[in-house]
C-alpha atoms as a PDB file:
ATOM      1  CA  UNK A   1     -78.519 -39.723 -92.192  1.00  0.00           C
ATOM      2  CA  UNK A   2     -80.947 -41.990 -94.007  1.00  0.00           C
ATOM      3  CA  UNK A   3     -79.243 -41.884 -97.387  1.00  0.00           C
ATOM      4  CA  UNK A   4     -75.808 -43.479 -97.260  1.00  0.00           C
ATOM      5  CA  UNK A   5     -73.533 -44.226-100.190  1.00  0.00           C
ATOM      6  CA  UNK A   6     -73.763 -47.856-101.272  1.00  0.00           C
ATOM      7  CA  UNK A   7     -70.694 -49.946-101.995  1.00  0.00           C
ATOM      8  CA  UNK A   8     -67.852 -51.317 -99.887  1.00  0.00           C
ATOM      9  CA  UNK A   9     -65.371 -49.006-101.591  1.00  0.00           C
ATOM     10  CA  UNK A  10     -67.168 -45.979-100.146  1.00  0.00           C
ATOM     11  CA  UNK A  11     -68.182 -46.980 -96.625  1.00  0.00           C
ATOM     12  CA  UNK A  12     -67.041 -49.237 -93.805  1.00  0.00           C
ATOM     13  CA  UNK A  13     -69.870 -51.400 -92.526  1.00  0.00           C
ATOM     14  CA  UNK A  14     -70.303 -53.215 -89.239  1.00  0.00           C
ATOM     15  CA  UNK A  15     -71.108 -56.901 -88.916  1.00  0.00           C
ATOM     16  CA  UNK A  16     -73.686 -58.393 -86.546  1.00  0.00           C
ATOM     17  CA  UNK A  17     -72.559 -59.337 -83.051  1.00  0.00           C
ATOM     18  CA  UNK A  18     -70.884 -62.743 -82.870  1.00  0.00           C
ATOM     19  CA  UNK A  19     -68.117 -64.509 -80.998  1.00  0.00           C
ATOM     20  CA  UNK A  20     -65.653 -61.896 -82.218  1.00  0.00           C
ATOM     21  CA  UNK A  21     -67.469 -59.313 -80.112  1.00  0.00           C
ATOM     22  CA  UNK A  22     -67.069 -59.002 -76.341  1.00  0.00           C
ATOM     23  CA  UNK A  23     -70.438 -58.857 -74.586  1.00  0.00           C
ATOM     24  CA  UNK A  24     -70.902 -58.475 -70.833  1.00  0.00           C
ATOM     25  CA  UNK A  25     -73.416 -60.269 -68.631  1.00  0.00           C
ATOM     26  CA  UNK A  26     -76.105 -57.622 -69.207  1.00  0.00           C
ATOM     27  CA  UNK A  27     -75.839 -57.924 -72.985  1.00  0.00           C
ATOM     28  CA  UNK A  28     -73.812 -54.748 -73.519  1.00  0.00           C
ATOM     29  CA  UNK A  29     -71.405 -54.887 -76.473  1.00  0.00           C
ATOM     30  CA  UNK A  30     -67.941 -53.995 -75.192  1.00  0.00           C
ATOM     31  CA  UNK A  31     -65.948 -54.222 -78.425  1.00  0.00           C
ATOM     32  CA  UNK A  32     -67.450 -53.611 -81.821  1.00  0.00           C
ATOM     33  CA  UNK A  33     -64.870 -53.392 -84.587  1.00  0.00           C
ATOM     34  CA  UNK A  34     -65.846 -56.239 -86.901  1.00  0.00           C
ATOM     35  CA  UNK A  35     -66.700 -55.222 -90.448  1.00  0.00           C
ATOM     36  CA  UNK A  36     -69.317 -56.885 -92.610  1.00  0.00           C
ATOM     37  CA  UNK A  37     -71.732 -56.587 -95.541  1.00  0.00           C
ATOM     38  CA  UNK A  38     -74.373 -53.924 -96.032  1.00  0.00           C
ATOM     39  CA  UNK A  39     -77.326 -55.962 -94.752  1.00  0.00           C
ATOM     40  CA  UNK A  40     -75.537 -56.685 -91.467  1.00  0.00           C
ATOM     41  CA  UNK A  41     -74.507 -53.054 -91.150  1.00  0.00           C
ATOM     42  CA  UNK A  42     -78.144 -52.039 -91.599  1.00  0.00           C
ATOM     43  CA  UNK A  43     -79.194 -54.405 -88.798  1.00  0.00           C
ATOM     44  CA  UNK A  44     -76.714 -52.674 -86.463  1.00  0.00           C
ATOM     45  CA  UNK A  45     -78.273 -49.236 -86.993  1.00  0.00           C
ATOM     46  CA  UNK A  46     -80.469 -47.867 -84.230  1.00  0.00           C
ATOM     47  CA  UNK A  47     -83.585 -46.872 -86.152  1.00  0.00           C
ATOM     48  CA  UNK A  48     -85.213 -48.085 -89.345  1.00  0.00           C
ATOM     49  CA  UNK A  49     -85.272 -44.581 -90.857  1.00  0.00           C
ATOM     50  CA  UNK A  50     -81.502 -44.421 -90.319  1.00  0.00           C
ATOM     51  CA  UNK A  51     -80.795 -47.753 -92.006  1.00  0.00           C
ATOM     52  CA  UNK A  52     -81.487 -46.905 -95.626  1.00  0.00           C
ATOM     53  CA  UNK A  53     -78.808 -46.663 -98.283  1.00  0.00           C
ATOM     54  CA  UNK A  54     -78.735 -44.747-101.527  1.00  0.00           C
ATOM     55  CA  UNK A  55     -76.939 -46.068-104.594  1.00  0.00           C
ATOM     56  CA  UNK A  56     -75.988 -43.022-106.699  1.00  0.00           C
ATOM     57  CA  UNK A  57     -75.247 -45.201-109.713  1.00  0.00           C
ATOM     58  CA  UNK A  58     -78.748 -46.628-109.990  1.00  0.00           C
ATOM     59  CA  UNK A  59     -80.752 -44.074-108.029  1.00  0.00           C
ATOM     60  CA  UNK A  60     -82.064 -46.905-105.855  1.00  0.00           C
ATOM     61  CA  UNK A  61     -82.812 -46.644-102.140  1.00  0.00           C
ATOM     62  CA  UNK A  62     -81.924 -49.908-100.386  1.00  0.00           C
ATOM     63  CA  UNK A  63     -84.248 -50.361 -97.418  1.00  0.00           C
ATOM     64  CA  UNK A  64     -83.677 -53.493 -95.304  1.00  0.00           C
ATOM     65  CA  UNK A  65     -85.923 -52.651 -92.354  1.00  0.00           C
ATOM     66  CA  UNK A  66     -88.992 -50.790 -93.563  1.00  0.00           C
ATOM     67  CA  UNK A  67     -87.525 -47.339 -93.082  1.00  0.00           C
ATOM     68  CA  UNK A  68     -89.452 -45.839 -95.983  1.00  0.00           C
ATOM     69  CA  UNK A  69     -92.767 -47.040 -94.584  1.00  0.00           C
ATOM     70  CA  UNK A  70     -91.865 -45.791 -91.110  1.00  0.00           C
ATOM     71  CA  UNK A  71     -90.896 -42.399 -92.546  1.00  0.00           C
ATOM     72  CA  UNK A  72     -94.246 -42.156 -94.309  1.00  0.00           C
ATOM     73  CA  UNK A  73     -96.020 -42.949 -91.050  1.00  0.00           C
ATOM     74  CA  UNK A  74     -93.796 -40.501 -89.106  1.00  0.00           C
ATOM     75  CA  UNK A  75     -92.698 -43.352 -86.870  1.00  0.00           C
ATOM     76  CA  UNK A  76     -89.318 -43.695 -85.153  1.00  0.00           C
ATOM     77  CA  UNK A  77     -88.811 -47.430 -84.631  1.00  0.00           C
ATOM     78  CA  UNK A  78     -85.861 -49.280 -83.130  1.00  0.00           C
ATOM     79  CA  UNK A  79     -84.567 -52.108 -85.315  1.00  0.00           C
ATOM     80  CA  UNK A  80     -85.031 -55.450 -83.565  1.00  0.00           C
ATOM     81  CA  UNK A  81     -86.142 -55.950 -79.976  1.00  0.00           C
ATOM     82  CA  UNK A  82     -85.851 -52.533 -78.300  1.00  0.00           C
ATOM     83  CA  UNK A  83     -84.943 -53.838 -74.831  1.00  0.00           C
ATOM     84  CA  UNK A  84     -82.143 -55.982 -76.285  1.00  0.00           C
ATOM     85  CA  UNK A  85     -80.789 -53.059 -78.290  1.00  0.00           C
ATOM     86  CA  UNK A  86     -80.764 -50.802 -75.207  1.00  0.00           C
ATOM     87  CA  UNK A  87     -78.841 -53.473 -73.303  1.00  0.00           C
ATOM     88  CA  UNK A  88     -76.293 -53.712 -76.133  1.00  0.00           C
ATOM     89  CA  UNK A  89     -75.605 -49.983 -75.847  1.00  0.00           C
ATOM     90  CA  UNK A  90     -77.447 -48.081 -73.090  1.00  0.00           C
ATOM     91  CA  UNK A  91     -76.592 -44.767 -74.765  1.00  0.00           C
ATOM     92  CA  UNK A  92     -79.300 -45.687 -77.277  1.00  0.00           C
ATOM     93  CA  UNK A  93     -81.724 -44.555 -74.558  1.00  0.00           C
ATOM     94  CA  UNK A  94     -80.410 -41.004 -74.943  1.00  0.00           C
ATOM     95  CA  UNK A  95     -80.278 -41.278 -78.724  1.00  0.00           C
ATOM     96  CA  UNK A  96     -83.947 -42.260 -78.782  1.00  0.00           C
ATOM     97  CA  UNK A  97     -84.771 -39.044 -76.927  1.00  0.00           C
ATOM     98  CA  UNK A  98     -82.519 -36.930 -79.148  1.00  0.00           C
ATOM     99  CA  UNK A  99     -83.796 -38.310 -82.452  1.00  0.00           C
ATOM    100  CA  UNK A 100     -87.437 -38.122 -81.392  1.00  0.00           C
ATOM    101  CA  UNK A 101     -86.975 -34.530 -80.193  1.00  0.00           C
ATOM    102  CA  UNK A 102     -85.215 -33.585 -83.420  1.00  0.00           C
ATOM    103  CA  UNK A 103     -87.911 -35.142 -85.609  1.00  0.00           C
ATOM    104  CA  UNK A 104     -90.883 -34.062 -83.488  1.00  0.00           C
ATOM    105  CA  UNK A 105     -91.190 -30.878 -85.530  1.00  0.00           C
ATOM    106  CA  UNK A 106     -91.856 -33.106 -88.556  1.00  0.00           C
ATOM    107  CA  UNK A 107     -94.519 -35.041 -86.695  1.00  0.00           C
ATOM    108  CA  UNK A 108     -92.426 -38.116 -85.839  1.00  0.00           C
ATOM    109  CA  UNK A 109     -93.180 -40.077 -82.682  1.00  0.00           C
ATOM    110  CA  UNK A 110     -91.432 -42.955 -80.971  1.00  0.00           C
ATOM    111  CA  UNK A 111     -93.060 -46.281 -81.767  1.00  0.00           C
ATOM    112  CA  UNK A 112     -94.775 -47.741 -78.684  1.00  0.00           C
ATOM    113  CA  UNK A 113     -92.475 -50.778 -78.443  1.00  0.00           C
ATOM    114  CA  UNK A 114     -89.431 -48.523 -78.824  1.00  0.00           C
ATOM    115  CA  UNK A 115     -90.557 -46.160 -76.068  1.00  0.00           C
ATOM    116  CA  UNK A 116     -91.949 -48.726 -73.609  1.00  0.00           C
ATOM    117  CA  UNK A 117     -88.629 -50.079 -72.160  1.00  0.00           C
ATOM    118  CA  UNK A 118     -86.891 -46.706 -71.834  1.00  0.00           C
ATOM    119  CA  UNK A 119     -87.703 -45.876 -68.216  1.00  0.00           C
ATOM    120  CA  UNK A 120     -86.989 -49.338 -66.794  1.00  0.00           C
ATOM    121  CA  UNK A 121     -83.685 -49.459 -68.697  1.00  0.00           C
ATOM    122  CA  UNK A 122     -82.325 -46.262 -67.120  1.00  0.00           C
ATOM    123  CA  UNK A 123     -80.240 -48.236 -64.626  1.00  0.00           C
ATOM    124  CA  UNK A 124     -78.054 -49.506 -67.467  1.00  0.00           C
ATOM    125  CA  UNK A 125     -76.575 -46.027 -67.850  1.00  0.00           C
ATOM    126  CA  UNK A 126     -74.771 -46.475 -64.532  1.00  0.00           C
ATOM    127  CA  UNK A 127     -72.181 -48.583 -66.368  1.00  0.00           C
ATOM    128  CA  UNK A 128     -71.531 -45.936 -69.026  1.00  0.00           C
ATOM    129  CA  UNK A 129     -68.452 -43.696 -68.466  1.00  0.00           C
ATOM    130  CA  UNK A 130     -69.384 -40.279 -67.087  1.00  0.00           C
ATOM    131  CA  UNK A 131     -67.450 -38.522 -69.833  1.00  0.00           C
ATOM    132  CA  UNK A 132     -69.552 -40.246 -72.488  1.00  0.00           C
ATOM    133  CA  UNK A 133     -72.787 -39.325 -70.714  1.00  0.00           C
ATOM    134  CA  UNK A 134     -71.580 -35.728 -70.488  1.00  0.00           C
ATOM    135  CA  UNK A 135     -70.949 -35.668 -74.241  1.00  0.00           C
ATOM    136  CA  UNK A 136     -74.372 -37.180 -74.944  1.00  0.00           C
ATOM    137  CA  UNK A 137     -75.981 -34.549 -72.715  1.00  0.00           C
ATOM    138  CA  UNK A 138     -74.308 -31.822 -74.768  1.00  0.00           C
ATOM    139  CA  UNK A 139     -75.663 -33.372 -77.968  1.00  0.00           C
ATOM    140  CA  UNK A 140     -79.156 -33.172 -76.500  1.00  0.00           C
ATOM    141  CA  UNK A 141     -78.691 -29.523 -75.627  1.00  0.00           C
ATOM    142  CA  UNK A 142     -76.573 -28.209 -78.511  1.00  0.00           C
ATOM    143  CA  UNK A 143     -78.026 -29.639 -81.708  1.00  0.00           C
ATOM    144  CA  UNK A 144     -80.805 -27.079 -82.029  1.00  0.00           C
ATOM    145  CA  UNK A 145     -83.541 -28.974 -80.178  1.00  0.00           C
ATOM    146  CA  UNK A 146     -82.806 -28.359 -76.497  1.00  0.00           C
ATOM    147  CA  UNK A 147     -86.340 -27.291 -75.583  1.00  0.00           C
ATOM    148  CA  UNK A 148     -87.857 -30.207 -77.503  1.00  0.00           C
ATOM    149  CA  UNK A 149     -85.405 -32.598 -75.819  1.00  0.00           C
ATOM    150  CA  UNK A 150     -86.433 -31.411 -72.352  1.00  0.00           C
ATOM    151  CA  UNK A 151     -90.097 -31.798 -73.268  1.00  0.00           C
ATOM    152  CA  UNK A 152     -89.404 -35.289 -74.590  1.00  0.00           C
ATOM    153  CA  UNK A 153     -87.508 -36.319 -71.447  1.00  0.00           C
ATOM    154  CA  UNK A 154     -90.430 -35.237 -69.325  1.00  0.00           C
ATOM    155  CA  UNK A 155     -93.066 -36.929 -71.478  1.00  0.00           C
ATOM    156  CA  UNK A 156     -91.145 -40.229 -71.456  1.00  0.00           C
ATOM    157  CA  UNK A 157     -90.640 -40.211 -67.688  1.00  0.00           C
ATOM    158  CA  UNK A 158     -86.893 -39.639 -68.048  1.00  0.00           C
ATOM    159  CA  UNK A 159     -86.663 -36.238 -66.357  1.00  0.00           C
ATOM    160  CA  UNK A 160     -84.349 -37.774 -63.745  1.00  0.00           C
ATOM    161  CA  UNK A 161     -81.811 -40.553 -63.819  1.00  0.00           C
ATOM    162  CA  UNK A 162     -79.829 -40.138 -67.038  1.00  0.00           C
ATOM    163  CA  UNK A 163     -77.064 -37.833 -65.767  1.00  0.00           C
ATOM    164  CA  UNK A 164     -77.035 -35.586 -62.655  1.00  0.00           C
ATOM    165  CA  UNK A 165     -76.283 -32.354 -64.511  1.00  0.00           C
ATOM    166  CA  UNK A 166     -78.956 -33.110 -67.103  1.00  0.00           C
ATOM    167  CA  UNK A 167     -81.407 -33.608 -64.224  1.00  0.00           C
ATOM    168  CA  UNK A 168     -80.618 -30.046 -63.128  1.00  0.00           C
ATOM    169  CA  UNK A 169     -81.146 -28.677 -66.648  1.00  0.00           C
ATOM    170  CA  UNK A 170     -84.533 -30.379 -66.944  1.00  0.00           C
ATOM    171  CA  UNK A 171     -85.561 -29.302 -63.447  1.00  0.00           C
ATOM    172  CA  UNK A 172     -84.733 -25.665 -64.237  1.00  0.00           C
ATOM    173  CA  UNK A 173     -85.970 -25.743 -67.817  1.00  0.00           C
ATOM    174  CA  UNK A 174     -89.028 -23.612 -66.979  1.00  0.00           C
ATOM    175  CA  UNK A 175     -87.039 -20.944 -65.145  1.00  0.00           C
ATOM    176  CA  UNK A 176     -87.249 -17.814 -67.367  1.00  0.00           C
ATOM    177  CA  UNK A 177     -83.495 -17.189 -67.263  1.00  0.00           C
ATOM    178  CA  UNK A 178     -82.562 -20.793 -68.127  1.00  0.00           C
ATOM    179  CA  UNK A 179     -85.321 -21.035 -70.709  1.00  0.00           C
ATOM    180  CA  UNK A 180     -84.010 -17.905 -72.422  1.00  0.00           C
ATOM    181  CA  UNK A 181     -80.551 -19.514 -72.627  1.00  0.00           C
ATOM    182  CA  UNK A 182     -82.029 -22.709 -74.079  1.00  0.00           C
ATOM    183  CA  UNK A 183     -84.061 -20.748 -76.628  1.00  0.00           C
ATOM    184  CA  UNK A 184     -81.030 -18.681 -77.597  1.00  0.00           C
ATOM    185  CA  UNK A 185     -78.954 -21.839 -78.077  1.00  0.00           C
ATOM    186  CA  UNK A 186     -81.631 -23.389 -80.308  1.00  0.00           C
ATOM    187  CA  UNK A 187     -81.887 -20.162 -82.283  1.00  0.00           C
ATOM    188  CA  UNK A 188     -78.145 -19.884 -82.858  1.00  0.00           C
ATOM    189  CA  UNK A 189     -77.905 -23.477 -84.058  1.00  0.00           C
ATOM    190  CA  UNK A 190     -80.819 -22.856 -86.410  1.00  0.00           C
ATOM    191  CA  UNK A 191     -79.023 -19.812 -87.807  1.00  0.00           C
ATOM    192  CA  UNK A 192     -75.793 -21.753 -88.279  1.00  0.00           C
ATOM    193  CA  UNK A 193     -73.999 -19.808 -85.549  1.00  0.00           C
ATOM    194  CA  UNK A 194     -71.497 -21.409 -83.137  1.00  0.00           C
ATOM    195  CA  UNK A 195     -72.478 -22.453 -79.637  1.00  0.00           C
ATOM    196  CA  UNK A 196     -70.440 -23.664 -76.697  1.00  0.00           C
ATOM    197  CA  UNK A 197     -71.419 -25.594 -73.569  1.00  0.00           C
ATOM    198  CA  UNK A 198     -69.819 -23.011 -71.310  1.00  0.00           C
ATOM    199  CA  UNK A 199     -72.523 -20.394 -71.950  1.00  0.00           C
ATOM    200  CA  UNK A 200     -75.523 -22.663 -71.464  1.00  0.00           C
ATOM    201  CA  UNK A 201     -74.136 -24.463 -68.410  1.00  0.00           C
ATOM    202  CA  UNK A 202     -73.031 -21.170 -66.862  1.00  0.00           C
ATOM    203  CA  UNK A 203     -76.619 -19.934 -67.193  1.00  0.00           C
ATOM    204  CA  UNK A 204     -78.083 -23.133 -65.738  1.00  0.00           C
ATOM    205  CA  UNK A 205     -75.747 -23.059 -62.730  1.00  0.00           C
ATOM    206  CA  UNK A 206     -75.641 -19.316 -62.143  1.00  0.00           C
ATOM    207  CA  UNK A 207     -78.256 -19.517 -59.363  1.00  0.00           C
ATOM    208  CA  UNK A 208     -75.995 -21.998 -57.533  1.00  0.00           C
ATOM    209  CA  UNK A 209     -73.017 -19.676 -57.884  1.00  0.00           C
ATOM    210  CA  UNK A 210     -74.997 -16.674 -56.651  1.00  0.00           C
ATOM    211  CA  UNK A 211     -76.226 -18.571 -53.602  1.00  0.00           C
ATOM    212  CA  UNK A 212     -72.723 -19.779 -52.711  1.00  0.00           C
ATOM    213  CA  UNK A 213     -71.381 -16.275 -53.343  1.00  0.00           C
ATOM    214  CA  UNK A 214     -73.961 -14.673 -51.045  1.00  0.00           C
ATOM    215  CA  UNK A 215     -73.011 -17.103 -48.281  1.00  0.00           C
ATOM    216  CA  UNK A 216     -69.382 -15.938 -48.438  1.00  0.00           C
ATOM    217  CA  UNK A 217     -69.757 -12.196 -48.957  1.00  0.00           C
ATOM    218  CA  UNK A 218     -69.762 -11.294 -45.276  1.00  0.00           C
ATOM    219  CA  UNK A 219     -66.584 -13.277 -44.645  1.00  0.00           C
ATOM    220  CA  UNK A 220     -64.552 -12.477 -47.770  1.00  0.00           C
ATOM    221  CA  UNK A 221     -64.108  -9.602 -50.184  1.00  0.00           C
ATOM    222  CA  UNK A 222     -66.534  -9.824 -53.153  1.00  0.00           C
ATOM    223  CA  UNK A 223     -64.179 -11.237 -55.782  1.00  0.00           C
ATOM    224  CA  UNK A 224     -62.421 -13.840 -53.600  1.00  0.00           C
ATOM    225  CA  UNK A 225     -65.854 -14.883 -52.382  1.00  0.00           C
ATOM    226  CA  UNK A 226     -67.020 -15.293 -55.970  1.00  0.00           C
ATOM    227  CA  UNK A 227     -63.922 -17.295 -56.854  1.00  0.00           C
ATOM    228  CA  UNK A 228     -64.541 -19.710 -53.995  1.00  0.00           C
ATOM    229  CA  UNK A 229     -68.212 -20.031 -54.933  1.00  0.00           C
ATOM    230  CA  UNK A 230     -67.285 -20.843 -58.522  1.00  0.00           C
ATOM    231  CA  UNK A 231     -64.830 -23.540 -57.451  1.00  0.00           C
ATOM    232  CA  UNK A 232     -67.425 -25.131 -55.192  1.00  0.00           C
ATOM    233  CA  UNK A 233     -70.200 -25.179 -57.798  1.00  0.00           C
ATOM    234  CA  UNK A 234     -68.007 -26.357 -60.654  1.00  0.00           C
ATOM    235  CA  UNK A 235     -66.585 -29.248 -58.651  1.00  0.00           C
ATOM    236  CA  UNK A 236     -70.009 -30.244 -57.327  1.00  0.00           C
ATOM    237  CA  UNK A 237     -71.971 -29.994 -60.573  1.00  0.00           C
ATOM    238  CA  UNK A 238     -69.446 -30.631 -63.365  1.00  0.00           C
ATOM    239  CA  UNK A 239     -66.868 -32.816 -61.663  1.00  0.00           C
ATOM    240  CA  UNK A 240     -64.102 -34.591 -63.528  1.00  0.00           C
ATOM    241  CA  UNK A 241     -65.130 -34.897 -67.169  1.00  0.00           C
ATOM    242  CA  UNK A 242     -63.219 -34.829 -70.422  1.00  0.00           C
ATOM    243  CA  UNK A 243     -62.257 -31.322 -71.464  1.00  0.00           C
ATOM    244  CA  UNK A 244     -63.137 -29.771 -68.106  1.00  0.00           C
ATOM    245  CA  UNK A 245     -60.054 -27.555 -68.260  1.00  0.00           C
ATOM    246  CA  UNK A 246     -61.287 -25.515 -71.235  1.00  0.00           C
ATOM    247  CA  UNK A 247     -64.879 -25.724 -70.068  1.00  0.00           C
ATOM    248  CA  UNK A 248     -63.944 -24.581 -66.584  1.00  0.00           C
ATOM    249  CA  UNK A 249     -61.888 -21.653 -67.854  1.00  0.00           C
ATOM    250  CA  UNK A 250     -64.714 -20.402 -70.057  1.00  0.00           C
ATOM    251  CA  UNK A 251     -67.372 -20.811 -67.380  1.00  0.00           C
ATOM    252  CA  UNK A 252     -65.172 -19.064 -64.828  1.00  0.00           C
ATOM    253  CA  UNK A 253     -64.681 -16.145 -67.233  1.00  0.00           C
ATOM    254  CA  UNK A 254     -68.443 -15.815 -67.712  1.00  0.00           C
ATOM    255  CA  UNK A 255     -69.187 -15.947 -63.998  1.00  0.00           C
ATOM    256  CA  UNK A 256     -66.366 -13.606 -62.979  1.00  0.00           C
ATOM    257  CA  UNK A 257     -67.626 -11.082 -65.527  1.00  0.00           C
ATOM    258  CA  UNK A 258     -71.112 -10.842 -63.984  1.00  0.00           C
ATOM    259  CA  UNK A 259     -70.351  -8.226 -61.285  1.00  0.00           C
ATOM    260  CA  UNK A 260     -69.130  -5.897 -64.031  1.00  0.00           C
ATOM    261  CA  UNK A 261     -72.581  -5.887 -65.622  1.00  0.00           C
ATOM    262  CA  UNK A 262     -73.991  -4.296 -62.471  1.00  0.00           C
ATOM    263  CA  UNK A 263     -71.987  -1.102 -63.110  1.00  0.00           C
ATOM    264  CA  UNK A 264     -74.218   1.092 -65.287  1.00  0.00           C
ATOM    265  CA  UNK A 265     -72.372   4.447 -65.119  1.00  0.00           C
ATOM    266  CA  UNK A 266     -69.114   5.819 -66.479  1.00  0.00           C
ATOM    267  CA  UNK A 267     -67.103   4.314 -69.339  1.00  0.00           C
ATOM    268  CA  UNK A 268     -66.983   0.828 -67.810  1.00  0.00           C
ATOM    269  CA  UNK A 269     -70.192  -0.528 -69.357  1.00  0.00           C
ATOM    270  CA  UNK A 270     -69.252   0.545 -72.897  1.00  0.00           C
ATOM    271  CA  UNK A 271     -65.755  -0.896 -72.520  1.00  0.00           C
ATOM    272  CA  UNK A 272     -67.270  -4.183 -71.395  1.00  0.00           C
ATOM    273  CA  UNK A 273     -69.782  -4.570 -74.232  1.00  0.00           C
ATOM    274  CA  UNK A 274     -67.102  -3.708 -76.826  1.00  0.00           C
ATOM    275  CA  UNK A 275     -65.055  -6.754 -75.855  1.00  0.00           C
ATOM    276  CA  UNK A 276     -64.541  -9.196 -78.719  1.00  0.00           C
ATOM    277  CA  UNK A 277     -65.827 -12.023 -76.519  1.00  0.00           C
ATOM    278  CA  UNK A 278     -69.206 -10.261 -76.384  1.00  0.00           C
ATOM    279  CA  UNK A 279     -69.386  -9.559 -80.115  1.00  0.00           C
ATOM    280  CA  UNK A 280     -72.562 -11.217 -81.408  1.00  0.00           C
ATOM    281  CA  UNK A 281     -70.710 -12.204 -84.583  1.00  0.00           C
ATOM    282  CA  UNK A 282     -67.924 -13.982 -82.728  1.00  0.00           C
ATOM    283  CA  UNK A 283     -67.878 -17.437 -81.193  1.00  0.00           C
ATOM    284  CA  UNK A 284     -70.024 -17.272 -78.098  1.00  0.00           C
ATOM    285  CA  UNK A 285     -68.482 -18.452 -74.838  1.00  0.00           C
END
């Protein structure tokens, strides 16, 4: 991320905010499609370590905002006034968590002035579309640093308030079953294997499904009861987000398969584990 090809013929660069940009009363940039020179593009980047450019012709690293020095000090610093930058785009709050979690293994820490406004700025996320928050949550959980991201959310006082479903993930992050799913997701990403949100979210919400299922078992046959429980939990926890059709189908398949794992005799168990969907080499649900 830090080394970016220099030269207008290779990259499109963003200009600083001006009258051509639409900004709301809170300072959030609503439209941002004005192109400009490299120095202005660098000023628009979130963090100093992500605003360096590499010129392959000269071998020079162009560093407008002290990114090299920050990298040496293992410091993740927001460019400009942090509170202003969070108001411009509240999703930067989540990016700060994600980048700091990702780089924590290398000893990086959020600069004090970058971290200080995070908690009091949480309310700004209320104006961000739910679908975008859902996508940002998945980035936190599916880029190989899910456990570190949860730890970072807790340490920064952000365990609640970013997105309802993320609140549930953080709350259940110490549950052995959920923690195993988080660890497995991190491991697969580290090994270059595919991951999908359906598996992790199905694990996180399985306790909800089981509770709703148990409440219906005396009134309905087992499978209809499970189907109703799944509908209830999915609508309550996932809601209407982009791509919910595919996500819902995959999560439903995972949940509906669970009763079959309880059968340990006969040919059924072997038939189940031989399914292509359960092949460890295939794309995991």
